[in-house]
Amino acid sequence: MSNGDGVTAALSDAVETAKEKVAEVGGAMATTASATVAKVKKAAKSAEKKVKTNVAKARKAVGKTVARAKKKLEAASKDAKKEVAALKKKVAAKKAATKKAVKKVAAKKPAAKKAVKKAVKKVAAKKAVAKKAAKKAVKKVAKKAPAKKAVAKKAAKKAARK
């Protein structure tokens, strides 16, 4: 059985050696894992700083863009208000001119009616004078040519109607 004791001792040594190797490898793995975790933490901090910097830059850029847009909108609003005011003035001026023209026409209307009435009276007076002259001519013609009396009367009536 001395041979069995040697096997047991060899096995014990092998197990001890394996145990030590596992402990070494585990330690190395733990060290490597710790180093990796530290590197990851450092990279995360660096990435976080970069993100914060980029966010700050983006906020500034957005703020500037918004400020420019506001200025442009204000300027456009002022211009539009000026244009509206100018258009309102033009419309008011046109309305006033139209009212004046209507008043002038209304003022001229009675004068025009009077002028038309005077013209009608003059035409009527001339027509009456023409009728009298035509009657006189008819009488003269009737005295000179008694046979053509009916024809002359008809001609005088037609002349008087015109």
C-alpha atoms as a PDB file:
ATOM      1  CA  MET A   1       0.000   0.000   0.000  1.00  0.00           C
ATOM      2  CA  SER A   2       2.868   2.228  -0.045  1.00  0.00           C
ATOM      3  CA  ASN A   3       2.091   2.681  -3.694  1.00  0.00           C
ATOM      4  CA  GLY A   4      -1.387   4.020  -2.791  1.00  0.00           C
ATOM      5  CA  ASP A   5       0.057   6.524  -0.442  1.00  0.00           C
ATOM      6  CA  GLY A   6       2.166   7.952  -3.277  1.00  0.00           C
ATOM      7  CA  VAL A   7      -0.853   8.259  -5.535  1.00  0.00           C
ATOM      8  CA  THR A   8      -2.764  10.023  -2.829  1.00  0.00           C
ATOM      9  CA  ALA A   9       0.139  12.395  -2.259  1.00  0.00           C
ATOM     10  CA  ALA A  10       0.497  13.061  -5.981  1.00  0.00           C
ATOM     11  CA  LEU A  11      -3.178  13.692  -6.294  1.00  0.00           C
ATOM     12  CA  SER A  12      -3.079  15.997  -3.301  1.00  0.00           C
ATOM     13  CA  ASP A  13      -0.188  17.935  -4.803  1.00  0.00           C
ATOM     14  CA  ALA A  14      -1.942  18.178  -8.155  1.00  0.00           C
ATOM     15  CA  VAL A  15      -5.111  19.415  -6.489  1.00  0.00           C
ATOM     16  CA  GLU A  16      -3.111  21.964  -4.483  1.00  0.00           C
ATOM     17  CA  THR A  17      -1.341  23.168  -7.613  1.00  0.00           C
ATOM     18  CA  ALA A  18      -4.632  23.413  -9.490  1.00  0.00           C
ATOM     19  CA  LYS A  19      -6.125  25.283  -6.548  1.00  0.00           C
ATOM     20  CA  GLU A  20      -3.255  27.774  -6.578  1.00  0.00           C
ATOM     21  CA  LYS A  21      -3.501  28.203 -10.343  1.00  0.00           C
ATOM     22  CA  VAL A  22      -7.252  28.805 -10.060  1.00  0.00           C
ATOM     23  CA  ALA A  23      -6.619  31.351  -7.313  1.00  0.00           C
ATOM     24  CA  GLU A  24      -3.974  33.045  -9.490  1.00  0.00           C
ATOM     25  CA  VAL A  25      -6.196  33.084 -12.540  1.00  0.00           C
ATOM     26  CA  GLY A  26      -9.173  34.316 -10.439  1.00  0.00           C
ATOM     27  CA  GLY A  27      -6.998  37.058  -8.962  1.00  0.00           C
ATOM     28  CA  ALA A  28      -5.734  38.033 -12.385  1.00  0.00           C
ATOM     29  CA  MET A  29      -9.271  38.044 -13.698  1.00  0.00           C
ATOM     30  CA  ALA A  30     -10.446  40.171 -10.788  1.00  0.00           C
ATOM     31  CA  THR A  31      -7.567  42.588 -11.339  1.00  0.00           C
ATOM     32  CA  THR A  32      -8.267  42.728 -15.048  1.00  0.00           C
ATOM     33  CA  ALA A  33     -11.988  43.185 -14.406  1.00  0.00           C
ATOM     34  CA  SER A  34     -11.271  45.966 -11.909  1.00  0.00           C
ATOM     35  CA  ALA A  35      -9.010  47.679 -14.401  1.00  0.00           C
ATOM     36  CA  THR A  36     -11.629  47.285 -17.108  1.00  0.00           C
ATOM     37  CA  VAL A  37     -14.336  48.689 -14.832  1.00  0.00           C
ATOM     38  CA  ALA A  38     -12.084  51.653 -14.013  1.00  0.00           C
ATOM     39  CA  LYS A  39     -11.461  52.238 -17.740  1.00  0.00           C
ATOM     40  CA  VAL A  40     -15.202  52.040 -18.474  1.00  0.00           C
ATOM     41  CA  LYS A  41     -15.970  54.483 -15.661  1.00  0.00           C
ATOM     42  CA  LYS A  42     -13.333  56.877 -17.002  1.00  0.00           C
ATOM     43  CA  ALA A  43     -14.700  56.588 -20.538  1.00  0.00           C
ATOM     44  CA  ALA A  44     -18.244  57.170 -19.241  1.00  0.00           C
ATOM     45  CA  LYS A  45     -17.136  60.305 -17.405  1.00  0.00           C
ATOM     46  CA  SER A  46     -15.377  61.569 -20.523  1.00  0.00           C
ATOM     47  CA  ALA A  47     -18.435  60.848 -22.680  1.00  0.00           C
ATOM     48  CA  GLU A  48     -20.668  62.570 -20.128  1.00  0.00           C
ATOM     49  CA  LYS A  49     -18.471  65.685 -20.229  1.00  0.00           C
ATOM     50  CA  LYS A  50     -18.537  65.698 -24.036  1.00  0.00           C
ATOM     51  CA  VAL A  51     -22.329  65.335 -24.056  1.00  0.00           C
ATOM     52  CA  LYS A  52     -22.714  68.176 -21.552  1.00  0.00           C
ATOM     53  CA  THR A  53     -20.430  70.387 -23.651  1.00  0.00           C
ATOM     54  CA  ASN A  54     -22.321  69.557 -26.847  1.00  0.00           C
ATOM     55  CA  VAL A  55     -25.673  70.193 -25.151  1.00  0.00           C
ATOM     56  CA  ALA A  56     -24.447  73.581 -23.908  1.00  0.00           C
ATOM     57  CA  LYS A  57     -23.234  74.481 -27.420  1.00  0.00           C
ATOM     58  CA  ALA A  58     -26.532  73.376 -28.932  1.00  0.00           C
ATOM     59  CA  ARG A  59     -28.488  75.438 -26.401  1.00  0.00           C
ATOM     60  CA  LYS A  60     -26.435  78.518 -27.220  1.00  0.00           C
ATOM     61  CA  ALA A  61     -26.912  77.980 -30.946  1.00  0.00           C
ATOM     62  CA  VAL A  62     -30.661  77.499 -30.508  1.00  0.00           C
ATOM     63  CA  GLY A  63     -30.847  80.599 -28.321  1.00  0.00           C
ATOM     64  CA  LYS A  64     -29.048  82.682 -30.953  1.00  0.00           C
ATOM     65  CA  THR A  65     -31.251  81.324 -33.724  1.00  0.00           C
ATOM     66  CA  VAL A  66     -34.407  82.058 -31.742  1.00  0.00           C
ATOM     67  CA  ALA A  67     -33.186  85.573 -30.972  1.00  0.00           C
ATOM     68  CA  ARG A  68     -32.474  86.223 -34.675  1.00  0.00           C
ATOM     69  CA  ALA A  69     -35.857  84.845 -35.658  1.00  0.00           C
ATOM     70  CA  LYS A  70     -37.578  87.052 -33.080  1.00  0.00           C
ATOM     71  CA  LYS A  71     -35.790  90.129 -34.409  1.00  0.00           C
ATOM     72  CA  LYS A  72     -36.755  89.297 -37.961  1.00  0.00           C
ATOM     73  CA  LEU A  73     -40.373  88.727 -36.959  1.00  0.00           C
ATOM     74  CA  GLU A  74     -40.487  91.998 -35.056  1.00  0.00           C
ATOM     75  CA  ALA A  75     -39.064  93.865 -38.039  1.00  0.00           C
ATOM     76  CA  ALA A  76     -41.548  92.185 -40.381  1.00  0.00           C
ATOM     77  CA  SER A  77     -44.375  93.009 -37.970  1.00  0.00           C
ATOM     78  CA  LYS A  78     -43.357  96.676 -37.850  1.00  0.00           C
ATOM     79  CA  ASP A  79     -43.140  96.839 -41.637  1.00  0.00           C
ATOM     80  CA  ALA A  80     -46.546  95.203 -41.993  1.00  0.00           C
ATOM     81  CA  LYS A  81     -48.078  97.627 -39.500  1.00  0.00           C
ATOM     82  CA  LYS A  82     -46.601 100.580 -41.389  1.00  0.00           C
ATOM     83  CA  GLU A  83     -47.964  99.246 -44.656  1.00  0.00           C
ATOM     84  CA  VAL A  84     -51.413  98.735 -43.130  1.00  0.00           C
ATOM     85  CA  ALA A  85     -51.389 102.283 -41.784  1.00  0.00           C
ATOM     86  CA  ALA A  86     -50.381 103.653 -45.197  1.00  0.00           C
ATOM     87  CA  LEU A  87     -53.130 101.662 -46.904  1.00  0.00           C
ATOM     88  CA  LYS A  88     -55.679 102.878 -44.361  1.00  0.00           C
ATOM     89  CA  LYS A  89     -54.618 106.475 -45.064  1.00  0.00           C
ATOM     90  CA  LYS A  90     -55.009 105.935 -48.802  1.00  0.00           C
ATOM     91  CA  VAL A  91     -58.443 104.409 -48.339  1.00  0.00           C
ATOM     92  CA  ALA A  92     -59.490 107.265 -46.061  1.00  0.00           C
ATOM     93  CA  ALA A  93     -58.242 109.813 -48.608  1.00  0.00           C
ATOM     94  CA  LYS A  94     -60.151 108.081 -51.413  1.00  0.00           C
ATOM     95  CA  LYS A  95     -63.297 107.981 -49.291  1.00  0.00           C
ATOM     96  CA  ALA A  96     -62.957 111.674 -48.530  1.00  0.00           C
ATOM     97  CA  ALA A  97     -62.416 112.482 -52.214  1.00  0.00           C
ATOM     98  CA  THR A  98     -65.453 110.406 -53.144  1.00  0.00           C
ATOM     99  CA  LYS A  99     -67.575 112.203 -50.546  1.00  0.00           C
ATOM    100  CA  LYS A 100     -66.433 115.572 -51.898  1.00  0.00           C
ATOM    101  CA  ALA A 101     -67.262 114.521 -55.433  1.00  0.00           C
ATOM    102  CA  VAL A 102     -70.695 113.308 -54.338  1.00  0.00           C
ATOM    103  CA  LYS A 103     -71.316 116.600 -52.556  1.00  0.00           C
ATOM    104  CA  LYS A 104     -70.259 118.567 -55.638  1.00  0.00           C
ATOM    105  CA  VAL A 105     -72.519 116.497 -57.851  1.00  0.00           C
ATOM    106  CA  ALA A 106     -75.355 116.922 -55.366  1.00  0.00           C
ATOM    107  CA  ALA A 107     -74.714 120.679 -55.313  1.00  0.00           C
ATOM    108  CA  LYS A 108     -74.619 120.842 -59.121  1.00  0.00           C
ATOM    109  CA  LYS A 109     -77.772 118.784 -59.493  1.00  0.00           C
ATOM    110  CA  PRO A 110     -80.214 121.595 -58.643  1.00  0.00           C
ATOM    111  CA  ALA A 111     -78.269 123.981 -60.870  1.00  0.00           C
ATOM    112  CA  ALA A 112     -78.410 121.440 -63.674  1.00  0.00           C
ATOM    113  CA  LYS A 113     -82.158 121.025 -63.164  1.00  0.00           C
ATOM    114  CA  LYS A 114     -82.585 124.773 -63.363  1.00  0.00           C
ATOM    115  CA  ALA A 115     -80.511 124.936 -66.537  1.00  0.00           C
ATOM    116  CA  VAL A 116     -82.588 122.135 -68.093  1.00  0.00           C
ATOM    117  CA  LYS A 117     -85.804 123.914 -67.139  1.00  0.00           C
ATOM    118  CA  LYS A 118     -84.513 127.180 -68.683  1.00  0.00           C
ATOM    119  CA  ALA A 119     -83.526 125.353 -71.857  1.00  0.00           C
ATOM    120  CA  VAL A 120     -86.943 123.701 -72.042  1.00  0.00           C
ATOM    121  CA  LYS A 121     -88.620 127.077 -71.593  1.00  0.00           C
ATOM    122  CA  LYS A 122     -86.433 128.599 -74.332  1.00  0.00           C
ATOM    123  CA  VAL A 123     -87.223 125.740 -76.695  1.00  0.00           C
ATOM    124  CA  ALA A 124     -90.918 126.050 -75.905  1.00  0.00           C
ATOM    125  CA  ALA A 125     -90.771 129.815 -76.510  1.00  0.00           C
ATOM    126  CA  LYS A 126     -88.959 129.307 -79.809  1.00  0.00           C
ATOM    127  CA  LYS A 127     -91.461 126.656 -80.782  1.00  0.00           C
ATOM    128  CA  ALA A 128     -94.327 129.052 -80.052  1.00  0.00           C
ATOM    129  CA  VAL A 129     -92.653 131.768 -82.098  1.00  0.00           C
ATOM    130  CA  ALA A 130     -92.118 129.285 -84.913  1.00  0.00           C
ATOM    131  CA  LYS A 131     -95.795 128.273 -84.763  1.00  0.00           C
ATOM    132  CA  LYS A 132     -96.870 131.887 -84.967  1.00  0.00           C
ATOM    133  CA  ALA A 133     -94.541 132.506 -87.896  1.00  0.00           C
ATOM    134  CA  ALA A 134     -95.846 129.378 -89.621  1.00  0.00           C
ATOM    135  CA  LYS A 135     -99.463 130.503 -89.093  1.00  0.00           C
ATOM    136  CA  LYS A 136     -98.632 133.901 -90.515  1.00  0.00           C
ATOM    137  CA  ALA A 137     -97.009 132.298 -93.532  1.00  0.00           C
ATOM    138  CA  VAL A 138    -100.006 130.039 -93.989  1.00  0.00           C
ATOM    139  CA  LYS A 139    -102.341 133.025 -93.858  1.00  0.00           C
ATOM    140  CA  LYS A 140    -100.232 134.861 -96.427  1.00  0.00           C
ATOM    141  CA  VAL A 141    -100.153 131.846 -98.690  1.00  0.00           C
ATOM    142  CA  ALA A 142    -103.872 131.288 -98.177  1.00  0.00           C
ATOM    143  CA  LYS A 143    -104.611 134.815 -99.265  1.00  0.00           C
ATOM    144  CA  LYS A 144    -102.466 134.501-102.360  1.00  0.00           C
ATOM    145  CA  ALA A 145    -103.590 131.023-103.457  1.00  0.00           C
ATOM    146  CA  PRO A 146    -107.092 130.185-102.345  1.00  0.00           C
ATOM    147  CA  ALA A 147    -107.128 126.867-104.262  1.00  0.00           C
ATOM    148  CA  LYS A 148    -104.102 125.474-102.462  1.00  0.00           C
ATOM    149  CA  LYS A 149    -105.465 126.386 -99.028  1.00  0.00           C
ATOM    150  CA  ALA A 150    -105.865 122.776 -97.724  1.00  0.00           C
ATOM    151  CA  VAL A 151    -102.342 121.716 -98.813  1.00  0.00           C
ATOM    152  CA  ALA A 152    -100.774 124.773 -97.235  1.00  0.00           C
ATOM    153  CA  LYS A 153    -102.596 124.180 -93.923  1.00  0.00           C
ATOM    154  CA  LYS A 154    -101.278 120.601 -93.768  1.00  0.00           C
ATOM    155  CA  ALA A 155     -97.718 121.783 -94.464  1.00  0.00           C
ATOM    156  CA  ALA A 156     -98.033 124.460 -91.786  1.00  0.00           C
ATOM    157  CA  LYS A 157     -99.322 121.912 -89.264  1.00  0.00           C
ATOM    158  CA  LYS A 158     -96.373 119.585 -89.988  1.00  0.00           C
ATOM    159  CA  ALA A 159     -93.928 122.466 -89.606  1.00  0.00           C
ATOM    160  CA  ALA A 160     -95.552 123.463 -86.331  1.00  0.00           C
ATOM    161  CA  ARG A 161     -95.281 119.934 -84.945  1.00  0.00           C
ATOM    162  CA  LYS A 162     -91.568 119.750 -85.594  1.00  0.00           C
END
